[in-house]
């Protein structure tokens, strides 16, 4: 069964001779984007504090909207009345929407998962709602994204040693290994059944591509089973879901390294929700083409800057009199514009909104510069020197520290 194969086209433009990395281009109804690609997240049809022009200035070619949030506020039907999210938020490039399933499960207490879908309470008004595969697709059709994600069942990781007040992590702690294995099995089979319903509900296959999502946690046998189920459908792209939900970096890398080559060679491969530099590089070397994460903007709003040499916290007193830029190698609006670390620290200490805006722009540009260099390195296979240009891959301040290149 096909779903949106006519809407999305993927070309492989080059391959690394020493790794599984490949460079490509995805063509959508709203333009093209080069891969490997990083997609910054505009959750509610907006990146907090940034205009579309500022987003474009970072080199971003595709962005992500959150179907769950837009369904609740302002409502998919209202977005459709404005001509879709592209017109609504004044972004003329490609947009990808997630299905909303993970958010419906993780953002509400008392959530119930059944064959019908996910029952949850709205964080807006507390009303009880049901998000089914059919409803998720209807929402994404109304939003008008170029790439839609299938509605899937994303179980949490098994992390019994975690002690946290976070309800999502608390759910993980209550799982025993044998219970978790059964939960993974249920999730991959339900995800396949839901995908078939998503395809049947897709009303605009010539305008919007639908990607399937592979589940299975860190169990490689279950991952293989999920790949066989999901890739049985003729879809324009496939995603690896259910990682970065509590696993260690090593577990993430092992899983992605095994699963990415299982996915079709001629379709884009998307690793959902993974955003640290080291994790992105490791996944690219495994053959992944697309990434998204809220880290650049969320951390930027908190005064945390990603730099070529490693992370820094701009509120630290050591930056008070520093007249240098966040990163001398960066050409973003903040760094090339001459805004000093001392000035940026002042903005944060004074609660001026310009501070989070400038750090968000810088952080997105940092990741886009990384992707540009990755694409260039795939072309010349110059991996031995890559880590020398990006010391942040080894920076001790990065919780994902280490160098995938060895």
Protein backbone atom coordinates (compact mmCIF):
# COMPACT_ATOMS: atom_id res chain seq x y z
CA UNK A 1 0.00 0.00 0.00
CA UNK A 2 1.30 3.47 -0.92
CA UNK A 3 0.74 6.68 1.02
CA UNK A 4 2.22 9.87 -0.35
CA UNK A 5 4.88 8.32 -2.60
CA UNK A 6 4.04 10.90 -5.25
CA UNK A 7 4.40 13.82 -2.83
CA UNK A 8 7.97 13.15 -1.69
CA UNK A 9 11.05 12.31 -3.75
CA UNK A 10 14.43 11.28 -2.32
CA UNK A 11 17.72 11.25 -4.21
CA UNK A 12 21.02 9.89 -2.91
CA UNK A 13 23.70 12.31 -4.15
CA UNK A 14 26.78 10.77 -2.60
CA UNK A 15 28.07 8.13 -0.22
CA UNK A 16 30.95 7.84 2.21
CA UNK A 17 33.43 5.14 1.17
CA UNK A 18 34.39 4.26 4.75
CA UNK A 19 31.02 4.51 6.57
CA UNK A 20 27.31 4.06 5.81
CA UNK A 21 26.79 7.84 5.69
CA UNK A 22 25.09 9.22 2.59
CA UNK A 23 24.25 12.68 1.29
CA UNK A 24 20.93 13.31 -0.38
CA UNK A 25 18.10 15.63 -1.26
CA UNK A 26 14.39 15.42 -0.42
CA UNK A 27 11.92 17.19 -2.69
CA UNK A 28 8.54 18.19 -1.27
CA UNK A 29 5.60 20.33 -2.47
CA UNK A 30 7.17 23.29 -0.63
CA UNK A 31 10.73 22.91 -1.82
CA UNK A 32 13.78 20.78 -1.20
CA UNK A 33 16.12 20.15 1.71
CA UNK A 34 19.57 18.62 1.77
CA UNK A 35 20.34 15.57 3.89
CA UNK A 36 21.59 14.75 6.43
CA UNK A 37 19.22 17.41 7.74
CA UNK A 38 18.50 18.87 11.16
CA UNK A 39 14.92 20.09 11.69
CA UNK A 40 14.40 22.68 14.43
CA UNK A 41 11.08 22.37 16.23
CA UNK A 42 8.31 24.96 15.90
CA UNK A 43 5.98 23.22 18.36
CA UNK A 44 2.87 25.40 18.12
CA UNK A 45 3.59 26.75 14.61
CA UNK A 46 6.20 29.01 16.20
CA UNK A 47 9.74 28.86 17.51
CA UNK A 48 9.51 30.90 20.68
CA UNK A 49 10.91 34.37 20.07
CA UNK A 50 12.02 33.77 16.46
CA UNK A 51 10.60 35.06 13.18
CA UNK A 52 10.60 32.93 10.02
CA UNK A 53 13.36 35.15 8.59
CA UNK A 54 15.52 34.51 11.64
CA UNK A 55 14.95 30.77 11.27
CA UNK A 56 15.93 30.95 7.60
CA UNK A 57 19.09 32.88 8.52
CA UNK A 58 20.32 29.80 10.39
CA UNK A 59 20.32 27.72 7.21
CA UNK A 60 17.29 25.67 8.27
CA UNK A 61 15.46 24.26 5.25
CA UNK A 62 12.73 22.22 6.98
CA UNK A 63 11.03 22.62 10.36
CA UNK A 64 8.77 20.51 12.54
CA UNK A 65 5.28 21.28 13.88
CA UNK A 66 3.66 19.37 16.74
CA UNK A 67 0.26 17.98 15.75
CA UNK A 68 -0.79 17.33 19.36
CA UNK A 69 -0.27 20.93 20.44
CA UNK A 70 -1.85 22.40 17.31
CA UNK A 71 -4.86 20.10 17.64
CA UNK A 72 -5.50 21.48 21.11
CA UNK A 73 -4.67 25.11 20.35
CA UNK A 74 -5.71 26.79 18.09
CA UNK A 75 -7.25 23.68 16.50
CA UNK A 76 -6.48 22.02 13.18
CA UNK A 77 -9.66 23.32 11.57
CA UNK A 78 -8.69 26.91 12.35
CA UNK A 79 -5.24 26.39 10.83
CA UNK A 80 -6.90 24.93 7.74
CA UNK A 81 -9.06 28.07 7.48
CA UNK A 82 -5.83 30.09 7.15
CA UNK A 83 -4.63 27.84 4.32
CA UNK A 84 -2.54 25.48 6.44
CA UNK A 85 0.47 25.93 8.67
CA UNK A 86 2.68 27.36 5.93
CA UNK A 87 0.38 30.35 5.51
CA UNK A 88 -0.55 30.50 9.18
CA UNK A 89 3.04 30.89 10.43
CA UNK A 90 4.44 32.45 7.23
CA UNK A 91 7.00 29.70 6.60
CA UNK A 92 7.26 28.80 2.91
CA UNK A 93 9.62 25.83 3.22
CA UNK A 94 8.94 22.17 3.98
CA UNK A 95 7.21 21.25 7.25
CA UNK A 96 7.07 17.88 9.00
CA UNK A 97 4.40 17.12 11.59
CA UNK A 98 4.60 14.45 14.24
CA UNK A 99 1.51 12.39 14.91
CA UNK A 100 0.84 13.55 18.48
CA UNK A 101 0.79 10.06 19.97
CA UNK A 102 3.88 10.43 22.14
CA UNK A 103 2.75 13.80 23.49
CA UNK A 104 -0.74 12.51 24.24
CA UNK A 105 0.81 9.68 26.25
CA UNK A 106 3.58 11.61 28.00
CA UNK A 107 1.92 14.95 28.80
CA UNK A 108 -1.16 13.79 30.66
CA UNK A 109 -1.84 11.82 33.82
CA UNK A 110 -4.43 9.08 33.58
CA UNK A 111 -3.67 8.37 29.93
CA UNK A 112 -5.13 5.14 28.55
CA UNK A 113 -3.90 3.31 25.45
CA UNK A 114 -6.29 0.96 23.66
CA UNK A 115 -6.70 -0.43 20.17
CA UNK A 116 -8.84 2.61 19.37
CA UNK A 117 -6.11 5.10 20.26
CA UNK A 118 -4.86 7.21 23.17
CA UNK A 119 -7.33 8.68 25.64
CA UNK A 120 -5.97 11.70 27.51
CA UNK A 121 -6.86 14.97 29.17
CA UNK A 122 -6.11 18.25 27.41
CA UNK A 123 -3.46 20.39 29.09
CA UNK A 124 -5.43 23.42 27.87
CA UNK A 125 -8.81 22.88 29.56
CA UNK A 126 -8.68 19.42 31.14
CA UNK A 127 -11.25 17.94 28.78
CA UNK A 128 -11.04 14.23 28.00
CA UNK A 129 -10.10 13.48 24.40
CA UNK A 130 -9.37 10.49 22.19
CA UNK A 131 -6.57 10.64 19.63
CA UNK A 132 -6.87 7.78 17.16
CA UNK A 133 -4.91 7.03 13.96
CA UNK A 134 -7.78 8.49 11.94
CA UNK A 135 -7.95 11.66 14.02
CA UNK A 136 -4.18 12.14 13.92
CA UNK A 137 -4.14 11.91 10.13
CA UNK A 138 -7.12 14.26 9.83
CA UNK A 139 -5.28 16.81 12.00
CA UNK A 140 -2.11 16.53 9.92
CA UNK A 141 -4.07 16.75 6.68
CA UNK A 142 -5.64 19.97 7.96
CA UNK A 143 -2.29 21.40 9.07
CA UNK A 144 -1.01 20.76 5.55
CA UNK A 145 2.50 19.56 6.36
CA UNK A 146 4.67 18.14 3.60
CA UNK A 147 5.64 15.10 5.65
CA UNK A 148 3.26 13.48 8.13
CA UNK A 149 4.18 10.86 10.70
CA UNK A 150 2.06 7.78 11.24
CA UNK A 151 0.30 7.44 14.58
CA UNK A 152 2.36 4.97 16.60
CA UNK A 153 2.56 3.39 20.05
CA UNK A 154 5.80 4.60 21.63
CA UNK A 155 6.51 2.76 24.90
CA UNK A 156 9.02 4.15 27.41
CA UNK A 157 12.47 2.72 27.94
CA UNK A 158 13.14 0.42 30.86
CA UNK A 159 15.24 2.45 33.27
CA UNK A 160 14.65 0.88 36.71
CA UNK A 161 17.47 2.79 38.41
CA UNK A 162 16.05 6.25 37.65
CA UNK A 163 14.59 8.12 40.61
CA UNK A 164 12.60 11.14 39.47
CA UNK A 165 9.43 13.08 40.17
CA UNK A 166 8.85 13.25 36.40
CA UNK A 167 5.71 11.15 35.71
CA UNK A 168 7.16 9.78 32.46
CA UNK A 169 10.27 8.50 34.23
CA UNK A 170 8.18 7.21 37.11
CA UNK A 171 6.23 5.06 34.65
CA UNK A 172 9.52 3.62 33.45
CA UNK A 173 10.57 2.68 36.96
CA UNK A 174 7.39 0.70 37.57
CA UNK A 175 8.14 -1.66 34.67
CA UNK A 176 9.82 -5.01 35.23
CA UNK A 177 11.94 -6.52 32.40
CA UNK A 178 9.41 -9.21 31.49
CA UNK A 179 6.55 -6.70 31.60
CA UNK A 180 8.52 -4.28 29.47
CA UNK A 181 9.23 -6.98 26.87
CA UNK A 182 5.51 -7.70 26.56
CA UNK A 183 4.81 -3.97 26.33
CA UNK A 184 7.32 -3.65 23.46
CA UNK A 185 5.75 -6.58 21.61
CA UNK A 186 2.28 -5.10 22.00
CA UNK A 187 3.56 -1.70 20.83
CA UNK A 188 5.18 -2.88 17.61
CA UNK A 189 2.17 -4.95 16.58
CA UNK A 190 -0.25 -2.15 17.45
CA UNK A 191 1.94 0.36 15.57
CA UNK A 192 1.69 -1.80 12.44
CA UNK A 193 -2.10 -2.08 12.75
CA UNK A 194 -2.38 1.66 13.34
CA UNK A 195 -0.21 2.36 10.29
CA UNK A 196 -2.66 0.51 8.07
CA UNK A 197 -5.46 2.67 9.48
CA UNK A 198 -3.37 5.82 8.92
CA UNK A 199 -2.87 4.93 5.27
CA UNK A 200 -6.59 4.29 4.79
CA UNK A 201 -7.42 7.65 6.43
CA UNK A 202 -4.87 9.71 4.47
CA UNK A 203 -6.96 12.12 2.38
CA UNK A 204 -4.16 13.91 0.47
CA UNK A 205 -1.59 11.32 -0.66
CA UNK A 206 -0.56 13.42 -3.69
CA UNK A 207 0.17 16.45 -1.51
CA UNK A 208 1.57 15.01 1.73
CA UNK A 209 3.96 12.12 2.29
CA UNK A 210 3.34 9.70 5.16
CA UNK A 211 6.31 8.17 7.00
CA UNK A 212 6.05 4.94 8.98
CA UNK A 213 7.73 4.51 12.36
CA UNK A 214 9.71 1.51 13.58
CA UNK A 215 9.47 0.63 17.28
CA UNK A 216 10.97 -2.09 19.49
CA UNK A 217 13.07 -0.34 22.13
CA UNK A 218 16.64 -1.63 22.37
CA UNK A 219 15.62 -5.22 21.59
CA UNK A 220 17.11 -5.82 18.15
CA UNK A 221 14.97 -8.86 17.40
CA UNK A 222 11.83 -6.85 18.06
CA UNK A 223 13.24 -4.01 15.98
CA UNK A 224 13.75 -6.40 13.07
CA UNK A 225 10.17 -7.61 13.44
CA UNK A 226 8.92 -4.03 13.44
CA UNK A 227 10.99 -3.16 10.36
CA UNK A 228 9.46 -6.08 8.47
CA UNK A 229 5.95 -4.98 9.46
CA UNK A 230 6.35 -1.27 8.73
CA UNK A 231 8.46 -1.55 5.57
CA UNK A 232 5.88 -3.90 4.04
CA UNK A 233 4.01 -0.69 3.20
CA UNK A 234 5.16 1.38 0.21
CA UNK A 235 5.82 4.65 2.02
CA UNK A 236 8.04 7.60 0.97
CA UNK A 237 10.12 7.43 4.16
CA UNK A 238 10.67 5.62 7.42
CA UNK A 239 11.55 6.67 10.95
CA UNK A 240 13.26 5.10 13.94
CA UNK A 241 11.09 5.93 16.94
CA UNK A 242 11.28 4.97 20.58
CA UNK A 243 14.87 6.06 21.21
CA UNK A 244 16.06 8.94 23.38
CA UNK A 245 13.22 8.13 25.79
CA UNK A 246 15.48 7.13 28.66
CA UNK A 247 18.24 4.92 27.22
CA UNK A 248 21.96 5.57 27.63
CA UNK A 249 23.88 7.07 24.68
CA UNK A 250 25.58 3.72 24.10
CA UNK A 251 22.20 1.97 23.89
CA UNK A 252 20.94 4.60 21.46
CA UNK A 253 24.00 4.21 19.23
CA UNK A 254 23.86 0.40 19.28
CA UNK A 255 20.17 0.39 18.37
CA UNK A 256 20.44 2.96 15.59
CA UNK A 257 23.57 1.34 14.15
CA UNK A 258 21.68 -1.94 13.81
CA UNK A 259 18.30 -0.62 12.67
CA UNK A 260 19.22 2.09 10.12
CA UNK A 261 20.71 -0.38 7.58
CA UNK A 262 17.53 -2.47 7.80
CA UNK A 263 15.46 0.38 6.35
CA UNK A 264 15.05 0.78 2.56
CA UNK A 265 18.09 2.28 0.82
CA UNK A 266 16.04 4.45 -1.51
CA UNK A 267 13.93 6.21 1.15
CA UNK A 268 14.94 8.85 3.71
CA UNK A 269 15.60 7.53 7.22
CA UNK A 270 14.54 9.73 10.12
CA UNK A 271 15.76 9.36 13.72
CA UNK A 272 13.14 11.01 15.91
CA UNK A 273 13.99 13.32 18.81
CA UNK A 274 17.77 12.88 18.90
CA UNK A 275 19.74 16.11 19.13
CA UNK A 276 23.19 16.09 20.74
CA UNK A 277 26.08 16.47 18.32
CA UNK A 278 27.64 13.11 19.13
CA UNK A 279 24.35 11.24 18.72
CA UNK A 280 23.67 12.93 15.38
CA UNK A 281 27.12 12.08 14.04
CA UNK A 282 26.87 8.46 15.17
CA UNK A 283 23.49 8.12 13.46
CA UNK A 284 24.74 9.73 10.24
CA UNK A 285 27.59 7.21 10.14
CA UNK A 286 24.95 4.48 10.48
CA UNK A 287 23.04 5.82 7.47
CA UNK A 288 20.40 8.14 8.98
CA UNK A 289 19.27 11.19 6.96
CA UNK A 290 16.95 13.31 9.14
CA UNK A 291 16.95 14.57 12.73
CA UNK A 292 14.88 16.83 14.97
CA UNK A 293 15.22 18.08 18.53
CA UNK A 294 14.04 20.89 20.80
CA UNK A 295 17.49 21.23 22.41
CA UNK A 296 18.77 24.26 20.43
CA UNK A 297 15.83 26.50 21.27
CA UNK A 298 14.81 25.08 24.66
CA UNK A 299 18.37 25.27 25.98
CA UNK A 300 18.93 28.64 24.31
CA UNK A 301 16.03 30.13 26.23
CA UNK A 302 17.67 28.91 29.44
CA UNK A 303 21.02 30.53 28.66
CA UNK A 304 22.77 27.36 27.48
CA UNK A 305 24.81 27.79 24.30
CA UNK A 306 26.23 25.07 22.07
CA UNK A 307 29.63 25.99 20.64
CA UNK A 308 32.28 24.35 18.48
CA UNK A 309 34.45 23.71 21.54
CA UNK A 310 31.66 22.63 23.87
CA UNK A 311 28.69 23.97 25.84
CA UNK A 312 28.68 27.13 27.94
CA UNK A 313 26.21 28.73 30.31
CA UNK A 314 26.01 32.41 29.58
CA UNK A 315 24.72 33.30 33.07
CA UNK A 316 28.03 32.25 34.63
CA UNK A 317 29.92 35.18 36.17
CA UNK A 318 33.05 34.40 34.14
CA UNK A 319 31.34 35.94 31.10
CA UNK A 320 30.59 39.29 32.75
CA UNK A 321 33.46 41.21 31.14
CA UNK A 322 34.01 38.90 28.16
CA UNK A 323 33.96 40.97 24.96
CA UNK A 324 34.27 37.95 22.66
CA UNK A 325 31.45 36.20 20.77
CA UNK A 326 29.76 33.01 21.86
CA UNK A 327 31.78 31.12 19.24
CA UNK A 328 34.47 32.73 17.04
CA UNK A 329 33.82 30.09 14.37
CA UNK A 330 30.10 30.87 14.13
CA UNK A 331 28.51 33.20 11.55
CA UNK A 332 25.10 33.54 13.19
CA UNK A 333 23.21 36.75 13.93
CA UNK A 334 24.61 36.84 17.47
CA UNK A 335 28.25 36.00 16.76
CA UNK A 336 28.73 37.73 13.41
CA UNK A 337 26.56 40.60 14.64
CA UNK A 338 29.13 41.48 17.30
CA UNK A 339 27.06 40.65 20.39
CA UNK A 340 29.57 39.84 23.14
CA UNK A 341 29.26 37.21 25.83
CA UNK A 342 29.23 40.02 28.36
CA UNK A 343 26.27 41.67 26.68
CA UNK A 344 24.40 38.40 26.28
CA UNK A 345 24.92 37.63 29.97
CA UNK A 346 23.50 41.06 30.79
CA UNK A 347 20.40 40.32 28.71
CA UNK A 348 19.73 37.12 30.65
CA UNK A 349 20.43 38.67 34.05
CA UNK A 350 18.06 41.53 33.19
CA UNK A 351 15.38 39.15 31.83
CA UNK A 352 15.48 40.83 28.44
CA UNK A 353 13.78 38.72 25.75
CA UNK A 354 16.53 39.49 23.24
CA UNK A 355 18.88 37.14 25.13
CA UNK A 356 16.86 33.94 24.56
CA UNK A 357 16.24 35.00 20.96
CA UNK A 358 19.92 35.46 20.16
CA UNK A 359 20.99 32.24 21.88
CA UNK A 360 18.24 30.30 20.12
CA UNK A 361 19.36 31.65 16.73
CA UNK A 362 22.97 30.83 17.59
CA UNK A 363 22.17 27.29 18.73
CA UNK A 364 20.16 26.44 15.63
CA UNK A 365 22.93 27.83 13.44
CA UNK A 366 25.46 25.73 15.39
CA UNK A 367 23.61 22.55 14.43
CA UNK A 368 23.12 23.66 10.84
CA UNK A 369 26.85 24.39 10.52
CA UNK A 370 27.48 20.89 11.88
CA UNK A 371 25.17 19.41 9.22
CA UNK A 372 26.85 21.41 6.44
CA UNK A 373 30.24 20.08 7.53
CA UNK A 374 28.87 16.53 7.80
CA UNK A 375 27.51 16.73 4.25
CA UNK A 376 30.83 18.10 3.01
CA UNK A 377 32.75 15.35 4.80
CA UNK A 378 30.55 12.65 3.30
CA UNK A 379 31.64 13.99 -0.07
CA UNK A 380 35.39 13.87 0.55
CA UNK A 381 35.36 11.11 3.22
CA UNK A 382 37.58 13.26 5.43
CA UNK A 383 36.40 11.80 8.73
CA UNK A 384 39.84 11.68 10.47
CA UNK A 385 39.92 15.49 10.60
CA UNK A 386 36.24 15.99 11.33
CA UNK A 387 36.47 15.64 15.11
CA UNK A 388 39.38 18.10 15.14
CA UNK A 389 37.06 20.75 13.71
CA UNK A 390 34.35 19.90 16.28
CA UNK A 391 35.95 19.52 19.73
CA UNK A 392 32.43 19.62 21.21
CA UNK A 393 32.18 15.95 20.23
CA UNK A 394 34.65 15.29 23.05
CA UNK A 395 33.64 18.09 25.43
CA UNK A 396 33.23 16.93 29.02
CA UNK A 397 30.35 19.34 29.56
CA UNK A 398 28.23 17.50 27.01
CA UNK A 399 26.18 14.74 28.64
CA UNK A 400 26.62 12.77 25.42
CA UNK A 401 30.41 13.25 25.44
CA UNK A 402 32.64 11.11 23.32
CA UNK A 403 33.73 10.78 19.71
CA UNK A 404 31.87 8.32 17.47
CA UNK A 405 34.83 8.40 15.08
CA UNK A 406 37.01 6.72 17.70
